[in-house]
């Protein structure tokens, strides 16, 4: 659902939401501009598109499983799942080219890129691999 940003007074509900998000982003995003609320909203627009449409900012952590080699799987991060799966299956990724073709097992969407990167890192850890094996019925 698109959310339009208002450069007006942050006394309305949307203004308070934006102000809270910008404050949180200052902590998490080094590229967030500091200064006036209007400058911070411009930064949000750069991240989410002119209309503030959150679909532009979605990041997906995805899990692929090799069809030829069922014990091989790959965890990645992207903003376009269809395009990234095509790239993996076309051999455009050196890490996955030798195990193609790939099928998508699961993907999880995040609005916040920092959260997505943290989850991707977890999924690539030993605990995350075990989680994937157990919950997504992977071999290996």
C-alpha atoms as a PDB file:
ATOM      1  CA  UNK A   1       0.000   0.000   0.000  1.00  0.00           C
ATOM      2  CA  UNK A   2       1.541   3.348  -1.033  1.00  0.00           C
ATOM      3  CA  UNK A   3       2.184   5.879   1.688  1.00  0.00           C
ATOM      4  CA  UNK A   4       2.473   9.533   0.703  1.00  0.00           C
ATOM      5  CA  UNK A   5       4.867  11.692   2.661  1.00  0.00           C
ATOM      6  CA  UNK A   6       3.822  15.106   3.862  1.00  0.00           C
ATOM      7  CA  UNK A   7       6.349  17.879   4.342  1.00  0.00           C
ATOM      8  CA  UNK A   8       3.919  19.626   6.675  1.00  0.00           C
ATOM      9  CA  UNK A   9       3.625  19.736  10.423  1.00  0.00           C
ATOM     10  CA  UNK A  10       4.554  16.430  12.108  1.00  0.00           C
ATOM     11  CA  UNK A  11       1.540  16.771  14.401  1.00  0.00           C
ATOM     12  CA  UNK A  12      -0.599  14.486  12.232  1.00  0.00           C
ATOM     13  CA  UNK A  13      -0.325  10.702  12.498  1.00  0.00           C
ATOM     14  CA  UNK A  14       1.682  10.259   9.278  1.00  0.00           C
ATOM     15  CA  UNK A  15       4.027  13.073  10.264  1.00  0.00           C
ATOM     16  CA  UNK A  16       4.692  11.420  13.619  1.00  0.00           C
ATOM     17  CA  UNK A  17       5.288   8.094  11.858  1.00  0.00           C
ATOM     18  CA  UNK A  18       7.801   9.683   9.484  1.00  0.00           C
ATOM     19  CA  UNK A  19       9.561  11.534  12.283  1.00  0.00           C
ATOM     20  CA  UNK A  20       9.887   8.294  14.272  1.00  0.00           C
ATOM     21  CA  UNK A  21      11.164   6.392  11.216  1.00  0.00           C
ATOM     22  CA  UNK A  22      13.688   9.116  10.383  1.00  0.00           C
ATOM     23  CA  UNK A  23      14.921   9.131  13.979  1.00  0.00           C
ATOM     24  CA  UNK A  24      15.353   5.348  13.873  1.00  0.00           C
ATOM     25  CA  UNK A  25      17.042   5.549  10.485  1.00  0.00           C
ATOM     26  CA  UNK A  26      19.613   8.019  11.790  1.00  0.00           C
ATOM     27  CA  UNK A  27      20.820   5.205  14.035  1.00  0.00           C
ATOM     28  CA  UNK A  28      20.748   2.472  11.356  1.00  0.00           C
ATOM     29  CA  UNK A  29      21.500   4.182   8.058  1.00  0.00           C
ATOM     30  CA  UNK A  30      24.697   6.156   7.569  1.00  0.00           C
ATOM     31  CA  UNK A  31      23.266   7.726   4.387  1.00  0.00           C
ATOM     32  CA  UNK A  32      20.324   9.357   6.176  1.00  0.00           C
ATOM     33  CA  UNK A  33      20.695  13.145   6.034  1.00  0.00           C
ATOM     34  CA  UNK A  34      20.515  15.009   9.300  1.00  0.00           C
ATOM     35  CA  UNK A  35      18.926  18.404   9.719  1.00  0.00           C
ATOM     36  CA  UNK A  36      15.390  19.591   9.198  1.00  0.00           C
ATOM     37  CA  UNK A  37      12.427  17.266   8.936  1.00  0.00           C
ATOM     38  CA  UNK A  38      12.035  18.288   5.276  1.00  0.00           C
ATOM     39  CA  UNK A  39      15.630  17.186   4.548  1.00  0.00           C
ATOM     40  CA  UNK A  40      15.008  13.880   6.284  1.00  0.00           C
ATOM     41  CA  UNK A  41      11.804  13.336   4.319  1.00  0.00           C
ATOM     42  CA  UNK A  42      13.735  14.001   1.087  1.00  0.00           C
ATOM     43  CA  UNK A  43      16.095  11.216   2.160  1.00  0.00           C
ATOM     44  CA  UNK A  44      13.082   8.939   2.681  1.00  0.00           C
ATOM     45  CA  UNK A  45      11.843   9.824  -0.800  1.00  0.00           C
ATOM     46  CA  UNK A  46      15.216   8.863  -2.246  1.00  0.00           C
ATOM     47  CA  UNK A  47      14.900   5.492  -0.528  1.00  0.00           C
ATOM     48  CA  UNK A  48      11.222   4.786  -1.155  1.00  0.00           C
ATOM     49  CA  UNK A  49      10.412   6.626  -4.390  1.00  0.00           C
ATOM     50  CA  UNK A  50       8.729   9.970  -5.040  1.00  0.00           C
ATOM     51  CA  UNK A  51       5.339   8.872  -3.756  1.00  0.00           C
ATOM     52  CA  UNK A  52       6.811   7.096  -0.747  1.00  0.00           C
ATOM     53  CA  UNK A  53       5.869   3.718  -2.170  1.00  0.00           C
ATOM     54  CA  UNK A  54       7.436   1.100   0.103  1.00  0.00           C
ATOM     55  CA  UNK A  55       7.653  -1.472  -2.695  1.00  0.00           C
ATOM     56  CA  UNK A  56      10.773   0.322  -3.929  1.00  0.00           C
ATOM     57  CA  UNK A  57      12.502  -0.361  -0.630  1.00  0.00           C
ATOM     58  CA  UNK A  58      11.615  -4.022  -0.133  1.00  0.00           C
ATOM     59  CA  UNK A  59      14.570  -6.337   0.300  1.00  0.00           C
ATOM     60  CA  UNK A  60      14.177 -10.088   0.140  1.00  0.00           C
ATOM     61  CA  UNK A  61      16.313 -12.753   1.750  1.00  0.00           C
ATOM     62  CA  UNK A  62      15.879 -15.833  -0.388  1.00  0.00           C
ATOM     63  CA  UNK A  63      16.845 -19.481  -0.249  1.00  0.00           C
ATOM     64  CA  UNK A  64      17.586 -21.433  -3.417  1.00  0.00           C
ATOM     65  CA  UNK A  65      17.991 -25.187  -3.780  1.00  0.00           C
ATOM     66  CA  UNK A  66      19.831 -26.806  -6.663  1.00  0.00           C
ATOM     67  CA  UNK A  67      17.681 -29.129  -8.765  1.00  0.00           C
ATOM     68  CA  UNK A  68      20.621 -31.245 -10.032  1.00  0.00           C
ATOM     69  CA  UNK A  69      22.447 -31.266  -6.697  1.00  0.00           C
ATOM     70  CA  UNK A  70      19.729 -31.323  -3.985  1.00  0.00           C
ATOM     71  CA  UNK A  71      22.271 -31.077  -1.155  1.00  0.00           C
ATOM     72  CA  UNK A  72      23.399 -27.636  -2.420  1.00  0.00           C
ATOM     73  CA  UNK A  73      21.554 -24.498  -1.453  1.00  0.00           C
ATOM     74  CA  UNK A  74      22.247 -20.777  -1.538  1.00  0.00           C
ATOM     75  CA  UNK A  75      21.098 -17.827   0.603  1.00  0.00           C
ATOM     76  CA  UNK A  76      21.080 -14.334  -0.868  1.00  0.00           C
ATOM     77  CA  UNK A  77      19.634 -10.832  -0.643  1.00  0.00           C
ATOM     78  CA  UNK A  78      17.907  -8.962  -3.463  1.00  0.00           C
ATOM     79  CA  UNK A  79      15.241  -6.410  -4.285  1.00  0.00           C
ATOM     80  CA  UNK A  80      13.968  -8.392  -7.304  1.00  0.00           C
ATOM     81  CA  UNK A  81      13.460 -12.112  -6.756  1.00  0.00           C
ATOM     82  CA  UNK A  82      12.454 -13.036 -10.326  1.00  0.00           C
ATOM     83  CA  UNK A  83      15.411 -11.209 -11.835  1.00  0.00           C
ATOM     84  CA  UNK A  84      17.890 -12.641  -9.332  1.00  0.00           C
ATOM     85  CA  UNK A  85      16.646 -16.212  -9.835  1.00  0.00           C
ATOM     86  CA  UNK A  86      17.010 -15.726 -13.595  1.00  0.00           C
ATOM     87  CA  UNK A  87      20.589 -14.502 -13.085  1.00  0.00           C
ATOM     88  CA  UNK A  88      21.427 -17.550 -10.956  1.00  0.00           C
ATOM     89  CA  UNK A  89      19.928 -19.926 -13.533  1.00  0.00           C
ATOM     90  CA  UNK A  90      21.686 -18.143 -16.423  1.00  0.00           C
ATOM     91  CA  UNK A  91      25.060 -18.660 -14.705  1.00  0.00           C
ATOM     92  CA  UNK A  92      25.692 -14.969 -14.018  1.00  0.00           C
ATOM     93  CA  UNK A  93      26.761 -15.654 -10.429  1.00  0.00           C
ATOM     94  CA  UNK A  94      30.131 -17.367 -10.032  1.00  0.00           C
ATOM     95  CA  UNK A  95      29.088 -18.922  -6.707  1.00  0.00           C
ATOM     96  CA  UNK A  96      26.013 -20.650  -8.082  1.00  0.00           C
ATOM     97  CA  UNK A  97      26.801 -21.289 -11.778  1.00  0.00           C
ATOM     98  CA  UNK A  98      28.144 -24.826 -11.348  1.00  0.00           C
ATOM     99  CA  UNK A  99      25.062 -26.054  -9.448  1.00  0.00           C
ATOM    100  CA  UNK A 100      22.318 -24.742 -11.730  1.00  0.00           C
ATOM    101  CA  UNK A 101      19.417 -24.941 -12.321  1.00  0.00           C
ATOM    102  CA  UNK A 102      18.026 -23.529  -9.088  1.00  0.00           C
ATOM    103  CA  UNK A 103      14.546 -23.458  -7.606  1.00  0.00           C
ATOM    104  CA  UNK A 104      13.262 -20.952  -5.105  1.00  0.00           C
ATOM    105  CA  UNK A 105      12.520 -22.549  -1.733  1.00  0.00           C
ATOM    106  CA  UNK A 106      11.471 -19.504   0.292  1.00  0.00           C
ATOM    107  CA  UNK A 107      11.841 -15.743   0.426  1.00  0.00           C
ATOM    108  CA  UNK A 108      11.244 -13.329   3.283  1.00  0.00           C
ATOM    109  CA  UNK A 109      10.549  -9.629   2.648  1.00  0.00           C
ATOM    110  CA  UNK A 110      11.914  -6.746   4.720  1.00  0.00           C
ATOM    111  CA  UNK A 111      11.188  -3.036   4.502  1.00  0.00           C
ATOM    112  CA  UNK A 112      14.367  -2.239   6.431  1.00  0.00           C
ATOM    113  CA  UNK A 113      17.562  -3.173   4.589  1.00  0.00           C
ATOM    114  CA  UNK A 114      19.557  -3.406   7.816  1.00  0.00           C
ATOM    115  CA  UNK A 115      17.171  -6.065   9.143  1.00  0.00           C
ATOM    116  CA  UNK A 116      17.371  -7.918   5.825  1.00  0.00           C
ATOM    117  CA  UNK A 117      21.196  -7.958   5.916  1.00  0.00           C
ATOM    118  CA  UNK A 118      21.190  -9.190   9.513  1.00  0.00           C
ATOM    119  CA  UNK A 119      18.766 -11.992   8.645  1.00  0.00           C
ATOM    120  CA  UNK A 120      20.819 -12.964   5.588  1.00  0.00           C
ATOM    121  CA  UNK A 121      23.923 -13.129   7.763  1.00  0.00           C
ATOM    122  CA  UNK A 122      22.058 -15.304  10.267  1.00  0.00           C
ATOM    123  CA  UNK A 123      20.814 -17.653   7.514  1.00  0.00           C
ATOM    124  CA  UNK A 124      24.421 -18.112   6.342  1.00  0.00           C
ATOM    125  CA  UNK A 125      25.606 -18.981   9.859  1.00  0.00           C
ATOM    126  CA  UNK A 126      25.692 -22.508  11.251  1.00  0.00           C
ATOM    127  CA  UNK A 127      22.550 -21.896  13.278  1.00  0.00           C
ATOM    128  CA  UNK A 128      20.772 -20.428  10.251  1.00  0.00           C
ATOM    129  CA  UNK A 129      21.763 -23.385   8.057  1.00  0.00           C
ATOM    130  CA  UNK A 130      20.358 -25.754  10.671  1.00  0.00           C
ATOM    131  CA  UNK A 131      17.195 -23.649  10.879  1.00  0.00           C
ATOM    132  CA  UNK A 132      16.827 -23.845   7.080  1.00  0.00           C
ATOM    133  CA  UNK A 133      17.470 -27.573   7.005  1.00  0.00           C
ATOM    134  CA  UNK A 134      14.913 -28.259   9.708  1.00  0.00           C
ATOM    135  CA  UNK A 135      12.147 -25.872   8.668  1.00  0.00           C
ATOM    136  CA  UNK A 136      12.493 -25.932   4.884  1.00  0.00           C
ATOM    137  CA  UNK A 137      13.268 -29.683   4.625  1.00  0.00           C
ATOM    138  CA  UNK A 138      16.640 -29.307   2.927  1.00  0.00           C
ATOM    139  CA  UNK A 139      19.113 -32.141   2.573  1.00  0.00           C
ATOM    140  CA  UNK A 140      22.732 -31.885   3.571  1.00  0.00           C
END
